[in-house]
C-alpha atoms as a PDB file:
ATOM      1  CA  MET A   1      99.225  70.914  89.016  1.00  0.00           C
ATOM      2  CA  THR A   2     102.415  70.744  86.867  1.00  0.00           C
ATOM      3  CA  ALA A   3     103.979  68.646  89.584  1.00  0.00           C
ATOM      4  CA  PHE A   4     101.454  65.847  89.126  1.00  0.00           C
ATOM      5  CA  SER A   5     101.263  63.608  86.129  1.00  0.00           C
ATOM      6  CA  SER A   6      98.231  61.786  84.899  1.00  0.00           C
ATOM      7  CA  SER A   7     100.406  58.629  84.957  1.00  0.00           C
ATOM      8  CA  PHE A   8     100.141  58.734  88.736  1.00  0.00           C
ATOM      9  CA  MET A   9      96.294  59.026  88.892  1.00  0.00           C
ATOM     10  CA  GLY A  10      93.259  58.079  86.973  1.00  0.00           C
ATOM     11  CA  SER A  11      92.507  60.331  83.975  1.00  0.00           C
ATOM     12  CA  ASP A  12      89.148  61.398  85.406  1.00  0.00           C
ATOM     13  CA  GLN A  13      90.705  62.456  88.799  1.00  0.00           C
ATOM     14  CA  ALA A  14      93.494  64.462  86.922  1.00  0.00           C
ATOM     15  CA  ASP A  15      91.056  66.245  84.675  1.00  0.00           C
ATOM     16  CA  GLY A  16      88.841  67.111  87.761  1.00  0.00           C
ATOM     17  CA  LEU A  17      91.759  68.582  89.581  1.00  0.00           C
ATOM     18  CA  ARG A  18      92.894  70.563  86.456  1.00  0.00           C
ATOM     19  CA  ARG A  19      89.334  71.993  86.150  1.00  0.00           C
ATOM     20  CA  LEU A  20      89.357  72.875  89.797  1.00  0.00           C
ATOM     21  CA  PHE A  21      92.672  74.786  89.826  1.00  0.00           C
ATOM     22  CA  ALA A  22      91.734  76.429  86.493  1.00  0.00           C
ATOM     23  CA  ALA A  23      88.427  77.772  87.634  1.00  0.00           C
ATOM     24  CA  PRO A  24      88.255  81.490  87.634  1.00  0.00           C
ATOM     25  CA  ARG A  25      88.233  83.061  91.038  1.00  0.00           C
ATOM     26  CA  GLN A  26      86.789  86.441  91.824  1.00  0.00           C
ATOM     27  CA  GLN A  27      88.713  88.755  94.103  1.00  0.00           C
ATOM     28  CA  ILE A  28      86.408  90.680  96.405  1.00  0.00           C
ATOM     29  CA  VAL A  29      87.792  94.255  97.028  1.00  0.00           C
ATOM     30  CA  PRO A  30      85.836  96.026  99.777  1.00  0.00           C
ATOM     31  CA  VAL A  31      85.899  99.834  99.773  1.00  0.00           C
ATOM     32  CA  ALA A  32      84.749 101.501 102.922  1.00  0.00           C
ATOM     33  CA  ALA A  33      82.621 104.594 102.235  1.00  0.00           C
ATOM     34  CA  ASN A  34      83.466 107.809 103.827  1.00  0.00           C
ATOM     35  CA  ARG A  35      80.783 110.451 104.198  1.00  0.00           C
ATOM     36  CA  GLN A  36      83.567 113.232 104.614  1.00  0.00           C
ATOM     37  CA  VAL A  37      84.993 112.413 101.099  1.00  0.00           C
ATOM     38  CA  ASP A  38      83.484 114.540  98.358  1.00  0.00           C
ATOM     39  CA  CYS A  39      85.356 112.855  95.542  1.00  0.00           C
ATOM     40  CA  ALA A  40      84.389 109.209  96.213  1.00  0.00           C
ATOM     41  CA  GLY A  41      83.207 108.797  92.659  1.00  0.00           C
ATOM     42  CA  VAL A  42      86.561 109.827  91.442  1.00  0.00           C
ATOM     43  CA  LEU A  43      88.466 107.503  93.706  1.00  0.00           C
ATOM     44  CA  MET A  44      86.189 104.583  92.663  1.00  0.00           C
ATOM     45  CA  GLU A  45      86.776 105.279  88.947  1.00  0.00           C
ATOM     46  CA  ARG A  46      90.587 105.535  89.289  1.00  0.00           C
ATOM     47  CA  LEU A  47      90.640 102.270  91.367  1.00  0.00           C
ATOM     48  CA  SER A  48      88.613 100.557  88.697  1.00  0.00           C
ATOM     49  CA  LEU A  49      90.942 101.915  85.965  1.00  0.00           C
ATOM     50  CA  ALA A  50      93.902 100.593  87.937  1.00  0.00           C
ATOM     51  CA  PHE A  51      92.534  97.086  87.846  1.00  0.00           C
ATOM     52  CA  SER A  52      91.591  97.360  84.186  1.00  0.00           C
ATOM     53  CA  GLN A  53      95.136  98.468  83.274  1.00  0.00           C
ATOM     54  CA  LEU A  54      96.333  95.276  85.000  1.00  0.00           C
ATOM     55  CA  GLY A  55      94.070  93.289  82.712  1.00  0.00           C
ATOM     56  CA  ALA A  56      91.148  92.512  85.099  1.00  0.00           C
ATOM     57  CA  HIS A  57      87.521  92.648  84.335  1.00  0.00           C
ATOM     58  CA  VAL A  58      85.842  94.705  87.010  1.00  0.00           C
ATOM     59  CA  PHE A  59      82.385  94.703  88.619  1.00  0.00           C
ATOM     60  CA  VAL A  60      81.535  97.593  90.944  1.00  0.00           C
ATOM     61  CA  ILE A  61      78.712  96.973  93.451  1.00  0.00           C
ATOM     62  CA  ASP A  62      77.904 100.508  94.652  1.00  0.00           C
ATOM     63  CA  ALA A  63      76.015 100.034  97.946  1.00  0.00           C
ATOM     64  CA  ALA A  64      77.092 103.136  99.931  1.00  0.00           C
ATOM     65  CA  ASP A  65      74.517 105.490 101.511  1.00  0.00           C
ATOM     66  CA  SER A  66      75.684 108.166  99.015  1.00  0.00           C
ATOM     67  CA  SER A  67      75.257 105.937  96.056  1.00  0.00           C
ATOM     68  CA  PRO A  68      72.479 106.014  93.509  1.00  0.00           C
ATOM     69  CA  GLN A  69      69.160 104.302  94.439  1.00  0.00           C
ATOM     70  CA  PRO A  70      68.883 100.830  92.894  1.00  0.00           C
ATOM     71  CA  HIS A  71      66.638 100.154  89.808  1.00  0.00           C
ATOM     72  CA  GLU A  72      63.057  99.323  90.883  1.00  0.00           C
ATOM     73  CA  LEU A  73      63.348  95.832  89.370  1.00  0.00           C
ATOM     74  CA  VAL A  74      66.484  94.927  91.252  1.00  0.00           C
ATOM     75  CA  ASP A  75      64.692  92.289  93.353  1.00  0.00           C
ATOM     76  CA  ILE A  76      62.923  90.814  90.480  1.00  0.00           C
ATOM     77  CA  ASP A  77      65.372  90.779  87.623  1.00  0.00           C
ATOM     78  CA  LEU A  78      68.826  91.505  89.130  1.00  0.00           C
ATOM     79  CA  SER A  79      70.879  90.802  86.109  1.00  0.00           C
ATOM     80  CA  SER A  80      68.900  93.432  83.984  1.00  0.00           C
ATOM     81  CA  CYS A  81      69.848  96.081  86.529  1.00  0.00           C
ATOM     82  CA  ILE A  82      73.565  95.591  86.062  1.00  0.00           C
ATOM     83  CA  GLU A  83      75.005  98.206  83.544  1.00  0.00           C
ATOM     84  CA  ARG A  84      77.962  97.704  81.309  1.00  0.00           C
ATOM     85  CA  LEU A  85      80.262 100.789  81.488  1.00  0.00           C
ATOM     86  CA  GLY A  86      82.465 100.497  78.466  1.00  0.00           C
ATOM     87  CA  SER A  87      84.868  97.541  77.992  1.00  0.00           C
ATOM     88  CA  GLY A  88      85.493  95.370  80.925  1.00  0.00           C
ATOM     89  CA  VAL A  89      83.593  97.272  83.597  1.00  0.00           C
ATOM     90  CA  HIS A  90      80.063  96.352  84.964  1.00  0.00           C
ATOM     91  CA  TYR A  91      78.203  98.497  87.680  1.00  0.00           C
ATOM     92  CA  LEU A  92      75.210  97.898  90.017  1.00  0.00           C
ATOM     93  CA  ALA A  93      73.582 100.762  91.871  1.00  0.00           C
ATOM     94  CA  ALA A  94      72.872  98.988  95.174  1.00  0.00           C
ATOM     95  CA  ARG A  95      72.201 101.595  97.789  1.00  0.00           C
ATOM     96  CA  GLY A  96      70.589 100.025 100.854  1.00  0.00           C
ATOM     97  CA  LEU A  97      70.420  96.517  99.357  1.00  0.00           C
ATOM     98  CA  PRO A  98      72.805  94.728 101.840  1.00  0.00           C
ATOM     99  CA  ARG A  99      70.439  95.649 104.622  1.00  0.00           C
ATOM    100  CA  ARG A 100      67.362  94.399 102.698  1.00  0.00           C
ATOM    101  CA  HIS A 101      68.968  91.008 102.094  1.00  0.00           C
ATOM    102  CA  VAL A 102      70.136  89.758 105.449  1.00  0.00           C
ATOM    103  CA  ASN A 103      69.600  86.355 107.027  1.00  0.00           C
ATOM    104  CA  THR A 104      68.426  85.692 110.600  1.00  0.00           C
ATOM    105  CA  ARG A 105      71.939  86.394 111.823  1.00  0.00           C
ATOM    106  CA  GLY A 106      72.209  89.804 110.054  1.00  0.00           C
ATOM    107  CA  SER A 107      74.609  88.470 107.404  1.00  0.00           C
ATOM    108  CA  SER A 108      74.459  89.592 103.709  1.00  0.00           C
ATOM    109  CA  GLU A 109      77.142  87.210 102.484  1.00  0.00           C
ATOM    110  CA  ALA A 110      74.750  84.991 100.507  1.00  0.00           C
ATOM    111  CA  TRP A 111      73.373  88.104  98.738  1.00  0.00           C
ATOM    112  CA  LEU A 112      76.789  89.205  97.709  1.00  0.00           C
ATOM    113  CA  GLN A 113      77.525  85.907  96.222  1.00  0.00           C
ATOM    114  CA  VAL A 114      74.332  85.924  94.282  1.00  0.00           C
ATOM    115  CA  VAL A 115      75.188  89.325  92.876  1.00  0.00           C
ATOM    116  CA  ALA A 116      78.864  88.476  92.067  1.00  0.00           C
ATOM    117  CA  ASP A 117      77.758  85.424  90.226  1.00  0.00           C
ATOM    118  CA  CYS A 118      75.691  87.616  87.900  1.00  0.00           C
ATOM    119  CA  VAL A 119      78.945  88.781  86.292  1.00  0.00           C
ATOM    120  CA  PRO A 120      81.016  85.477  86.161  1.00  0.00           C
ATOM    121  CA  GLN A 121      83.619  86.988  83.809  1.00  0.00           C
ATOM    122  CA  ALA A 122      84.521  89.609  86.558  1.00  0.00           C
ATOM    123  CA  ASP A 123      88.017  89.009  88.034  1.00  0.00           C
ATOM    124  CA  VAL A 124      87.526  91.826  90.572  1.00  0.00           C
ATOM    125  CA  VAL A 125      84.324  92.642  92.477  1.00  0.00           C
ATOM    126  CA  ILE A 126      84.644  96.040  94.066  1.00  0.00           C
ATOM    127  CA  VAL A 127      82.129  96.507  96.933  1.00  0.00           C
ATOM    128  CA  HIS A 128      81.621 100.036  97.977  1.00  0.00           C
ATOM    129  CA  ALA A 129      79.606 100.276 101.145  1.00  0.00           C
ATOM    130  CA  GLU A 130      79.497 101.711 104.648  1.00  0.00           C
ATOM    131  CA  ALA A 131      81.871  99.828 107.077  1.00  0.00           C
ATOM    132  CA  ARG A 132      78.845  98.412 109.029  1.00  0.00           C
ATOM    133  CA  ASP A 133      77.451  96.905 105.756  1.00  0.00           C
ATOM    134  CA  LEU A 134      80.856  95.534 104.799  1.00  0.00           C
ATOM    135  CA  CYS A 135      80.943  93.602 108.105  1.00  0.00           C
ATOM    136  CA  ARG A 136      77.558  92.093 107.081  1.00  0.00           C
ATOM    137  CA  LEU A 137      78.755  91.347 103.545  1.00  0.00           C
ATOM    138  CA  LEU A 138      82.223  89.976 104.205  1.00  0.00           C
ATOM    139  CA  GLY A 139      81.839  87.761 107.247  1.00  0.00           C
ATOM    140  CA  ARG A 140      85.238  86.103 107.797  1.00  0.00           C
ATOM    141  CA  ARG A 141      86.600  86.579 104.248  1.00  0.00           C
ATOM    142  CA  GLU A 142      90.384  87.056 104.050  1.00  0.00           C
ATOM    143  CA  VAL A 143      90.443  90.571 102.347  1.00  0.00           C
ATOM    144  CA  ALA A 144      92.213  93.912 102.966  1.00  0.00           C
ATOM    145  CA  PRO A 145      89.637  96.667 102.778  1.00  0.00           C
ATOM    146  CA  VAL A 146      90.490  99.851 100.948  1.00  0.00           C
ATOM    147  CA  LEU A 147      89.821 103.006 102.922  1.00  0.00           C
ATOM    148  CA  MET A 148      89.287 106.495 101.555  1.00  0.00           C
ATOM    149  CA  SER A 149      90.133 109.946 102.800  1.00  0.00           C
ATOM    150  CA  GLU A 150      90.834 113.514 101.779  1.00  0.00           C
ATOM    151  CA  LEU A 151      93.173 115.995 103.281  1.00  0.00           C
ATOM    152  CA  SER A 152      90.740 117.070 106.093  1.00  0.00           C
ATOM    153  CA  SER A 153      91.012 115.841 109.686  1.00  0.00           C
ATOM    154  CA  GLU A 154      87.270 114.988 109.452  1.00  0.00           C
ATOM    155  CA  SER A 155      87.738 112.589 106.577  1.00  0.00           C
ATOM    156  CA  LEU A 156      90.849 111.071 108.251  1.00  0.00           C
ATOM    157  CA  THR A 157      88.832 110.457 111.483  1.00  0.00           C
ATOM    158  CA  GLU A 158      86.128 108.795 109.418  1.00  0.00           C
ATOM    159  CA  ALA A 159      88.672 106.518 107.702  1.00  0.00           C
ATOM    160  CA  TYR A 160      90.012 105.471 111.073  1.00  0.00           C
ATOM    161  CA  ALA A 161      86.528 104.784 112.435  1.00  0.00           C
ATOM    162  CA  ALA A 162      85.873 102.491 109.478  1.00  0.00           C
ATOM    163  CA  MET A 163      89.175 100.743 110.146  1.00  0.00           C
ATOM    164  CA  LYS A 164      88.313 100.174 113.804  1.00  0.00           C
ATOM    165  CA  LEU A 165      84.870  98.776 113.093  1.00  0.00           C
ATOM    166  CA  LEU A 166      86.218  96.406 110.364  1.00  0.00           C
ATOM    167  CA  SER A 167      89.025  95.267 112.748  1.00  0.00           C
ATOM    168  CA  GLN A 168      86.774  94.665 115.719  1.00  0.00           C
ATOM    169  CA  ARG A 169      83.779  92.995 114.073  1.00  0.00           C
ATOM    170  CA  SER A 170      85.441  91.175 111.156  1.00  0.00           C
ATOM    171  CA  GLY A 171      88.902  90.700 112.483  1.00  0.00           C
ATOM    172  CA  LEU A 172      90.415  92.378 109.374  1.00  0.00           C
ATOM    173  CA  MET A 173      93.802  93.878 110.239  1.00  0.00           C
ATOM    174  CA  ALA A 174      95.411  94.889 106.854  1.00  0.00           C
ATOM    175  CA  PHE A 175      94.212  97.834 104.828  1.00  0.00           C
ATOM    176  CA  ASP A 176      94.941  99.987 101.874  1.00  0.00           C
ATOM    177  CA  LEU A 177      94.284 103.645 101.507  1.00  0.00           C
ATOM    178  CA  LEU A 178      93.217 106.164  98.818  1.00  0.00           C
ATOM    179  CA  VAL A 179      93.831 109.793  99.502  1.00  0.00           C
ATOM    180  CA  GLY A 180      91.831 112.271  97.230  1.00  0.00           C
ATOM    181  CA  MET A 181      93.636 115.541  96.775  1.00  0.00           C
ATOM    182  CA  ALA A 182      94.368 118.338  94.214  1.00  0.00           C
ATOM    183  CA  SER A 183      98.091 118.831  93.665  1.00  0.00           C
ATOM    184  CA  ARG A 184      98.929 118.363  97.410  1.00  0.00           C
ATOM    185  CA  PRO A 185     100.954 115.104  97.484  1.00  0.00           C
ATOM    186  CA  ARG A 186     102.917 116.118 100.614  1.00  0.00           C
ATOM    187  CA  ARG A 187      99.692 116.611 102.548  1.00  0.00           C
ATOM    188  CA  ALA A 188      98.369 113.312 101.279  1.00  0.00           C
ATOM    189  CA  GLU A 189     101.462 111.620 102.590  1.00  0.00           C
ATOM    190  CA  ARG A 190     100.938 113.190 106.055  1.00  0.00           C
ATOM    191  CA  VAL A 191      97.357 111.653 105.982  1.00  0.00           C
ATOM    192  CA  ALA A 192      98.659 108.201 105.215  1.00  0.00           C
ATOM    193  CA  ASP A 193     101.472 108.373 107.710  1.00  0.00           C
ATOM    194  CA  ARG A 194      98.994 109.555 110.466  1.00  0.00           C
ATOM    195  CA  LEU A 195      96.540 106.766 109.705  1.00  0.00           C
ATOM    196  CA  ALA A 196      99.327 104.219 109.561  1.00  0.00           C
ATOM    197  CA  SER A 197     100.567 105.249 112.937  1.00  0.00           C
ATOM    198  CA  CYS A 198      97.147 105.187 114.703  1.00  0.00           C
ATOM    199  CA  ALA A 199      96.421 101.846 112.999  1.00  0.00           C
ATOM    200  CA  ASP A 200      99.588 100.304 114.426  1.00  0.00           C
ATOM    201  CA  ASN A 201      99.477 102.051 117.853  1.00  0.00           C
ATOM    202  CA  PHE A 202      95.903 101.563 118.760  1.00  0.00           C
ATOM    203  CA  LEU A 203      94.571  98.654 116.674  1.00  0.00           C
ATOM    204  CA  SER A 204      97.704  96.630 115.925  1.00  0.00           C
ATOM    205  CA  ALA A 205      96.459  96.925 112.232  1.00  0.00           C
ATOM    206  CA  VAL A 206      98.614  97.502 109.210  1.00  0.00           C
ATOM    207  CA  LEU A 207      98.344 100.106 106.325  1.00  0.00           C
ATOM    208  CA  ARG A 208      99.903  97.949 103.634  1.00  0.00           C
ATOM    209  CA  SER A 209      99.927 100.543 100.766  1.00  0.00           C
ATOM    210  CA  TRP A 210      98.387 103.825  99.884  1.00  0.00           C
ATOM    211  CA  ALA A 211      98.095 106.074  96.805  1.00  0.00           C
ATOM    212  CA  ALA A 212      97.321 109.797  96.419  1.00  0.00           C
ATOM    213  CA  VAL A 213      94.684 110.436  93.694  1.00  0.00           C
ATOM    214  CA  ASP A 214      94.534 113.823  92.047  1.00  0.00           C
ATOM    215  CA  ARG A 215      90.864 114.508  91.642  1.00  0.00           C
ATOM    216  CA  ASP A 216      91.632 116.969  88.897  1.00  0.00           C
ATOM    217  CA  LEU A 217      93.192 114.500  86.495  1.00  0.00           C
ATOM    218  CA  PRO A 218      91.058 113.438  83.546  1.00  0.00           C
ATOM    219  CA  ILE A 219      89.692 109.902  83.909  1.00  0.00           C
ATOM    220  CA  THR A 220      91.625 108.890  80.797  1.00  0.00           C
ATOM    221  CA  ALA A 221      94.958 109.681  82.411  1.00  0.00           C
ATOM    222  CA  PRO A 222      97.059 106.626  83.341  1.00  0.00           C
ATOM    223  CA  VAL A 223      97.124 105.676  86.958  1.00  0.00           C
ATOM    224  CA  ASN A 224     100.230 106.434  89.007  1.00  0.00           C
ATOM    225  CA  THR A 225     102.649 103.863  90.309  1.00  0.00           C
ATOM    226  CA  GLU A 226     101.235 104.027  93.842  1.00  0.00           C
ATOM    227  CA  LEU A 227      97.589 103.308  92.746  1.00  0.00           C
ATOM    228  CA  GLU A 228      98.905 100.473  90.458  1.00  0.00           C
ATOM    229  CA  ARG A 229     100.626  99.016  93.541  1.00  0.00           C
ATOM    230  CA  VAL A 230      97.402  99.182  95.607  1.00  0.00           C
ATOM    231  CA  ALA A 231      95.530  97.339  92.776  1.00  0.00           C
ATOM    232  CA  ALA A 232      98.341  94.759  92.487  1.00  0.00           C
ATOM    233  CA  ASN A 233      98.237  94.161  96.266  1.00  0.00           C
ATOM    234  CA  GLN A 234      94.540  93.561  96.122  1.00  0.00           C
ATOM    235  CA  LEU A 235      94.952  91.055  93.248  1.00  0.00           C
ATOM    236  CA  THR A 236      97.556  89.272  95.236  1.00  0.00           C
ATOM    237  CA  GLY A 237      95.079  88.371  97.963  1.00  0.00           C
ATOM    238  CA  LEU A 238      95.879  87.148 101.494  1.00  0.00           C
ATOM    239  CA  GLU A 239      96.493  83.339 100.845  1.00  0.00           C
ATOM    240  CA  GLY A 240      99.012  81.831 103.143  1.00  0.00           C
ATOM    241  CA  HIS A 241      98.361  84.383 105.894  1.00  0.00           C
ATOM    242  CA  SER A 242      97.374  82.978 109.297  1.00  0.00           C
ATOM    243  CA  ALA A 243      94.182  84.186 110.867  1.00  0.00           C
ATOM    244  CA  LEU A 244      94.565  87.380 112.779  1.00  0.00           C
ATOM    245  CA  SER A 245      93.125  87.936 116.244  1.00  0.00           C
ATOM    246  CA  LEU A 246      90.602  90.584 117.085  1.00  0.00           C
ATOM    247  CA  PRO A 247      91.819  93.583 119.101  1.00  0.00           C
ATOM    248  CA  ARG A 248      90.540  94.073 122.626  1.00  0.00           C
ATOM    249  CA  PRO A 249      87.050  95.687 122.877  1.00  0.00           C
ATOM    250  CA  GLY A 250      87.375  99.463 122.969  1.00  0.00           C
ATOM    251  CA  ALA A 251      90.803  99.637 121.564  1.00  0.00           C
ATOM    252  CA  GLY A 252      91.638 103.006 120.038  1.00  0.00           C
ATOM    253  CA  ARG A 253      88.655 104.803 121.439  1.00  0.00           C
ATOM    254  CA  GLY A 254      89.073 108.536 121.529  1.00  0.00           C
ATOM    255  CA  VAL A 255      92.033 108.705 119.248  1.00  0.00           C
ATOM    256  CA  ALA A 256      92.893 112.239 118.058  1.00  0.00           C
ATOM    257  CA  LEU A 257      93.615 112.465 114.362  1.00  0.00           C
ATOM    258  CA  ALA A 258      94.143 116.108 113.853  1.00  0.00           C
ATOM    259  CA  LEU A 259      96.794 116.811 111.263  1.00  0.00           C
ATOM    260  CA  ASP A 260      97.906 120.002 112.633  1.00  0.00           C
END
């Protein structure tokens, strides 16, 4: 807007444009649940802290199958069921809710917008859900989902399966990764390298950034540089990127992801 001057347009039009570009915009950050990851809560806490340390107000919508059951009043008084967790973080237990609020085409996008609007001050809305539910929630949004894994081959295979589903159903081809571990950074790097290789070779997808998260660190510990980079990449968004084509049906079927 600085390139335009009110001398070249009516004051009402200039004021309207200024309000439009100054309007707050929430960044949706989808996090694909992984049933093989035991430390999902820790990974979610550390990711939220990374956004907070960058100055963002965070709203977590926890809709994974392993998440807490929603409050019994969630369909009657949604706002009252949203908890405030300290300064700058809100939380909603939303297990199963995306599937309860679908339209005739199976989409939950409208429900997600209604929930996000309940915390208008949130800069970042983290949506933790199964990959199949993220497809219902996201539609064709330009986002880069965050995948989760641990050091086991089973959790890595589950992360790849989430990537494959999101790429084929929603056309999403750029991802970030959190690897939960306990003082095993080299193994975590092997997990990230393996997933990046399979993403590129079998899906033509890209692992943009990744971070190892030590599950034994206290929640008050500052986030590491890699996790801060993941958060910063999410805040950057995907504006300016062209639409990405879907991979061919069945791409990547039967991929072996063993680490050894």
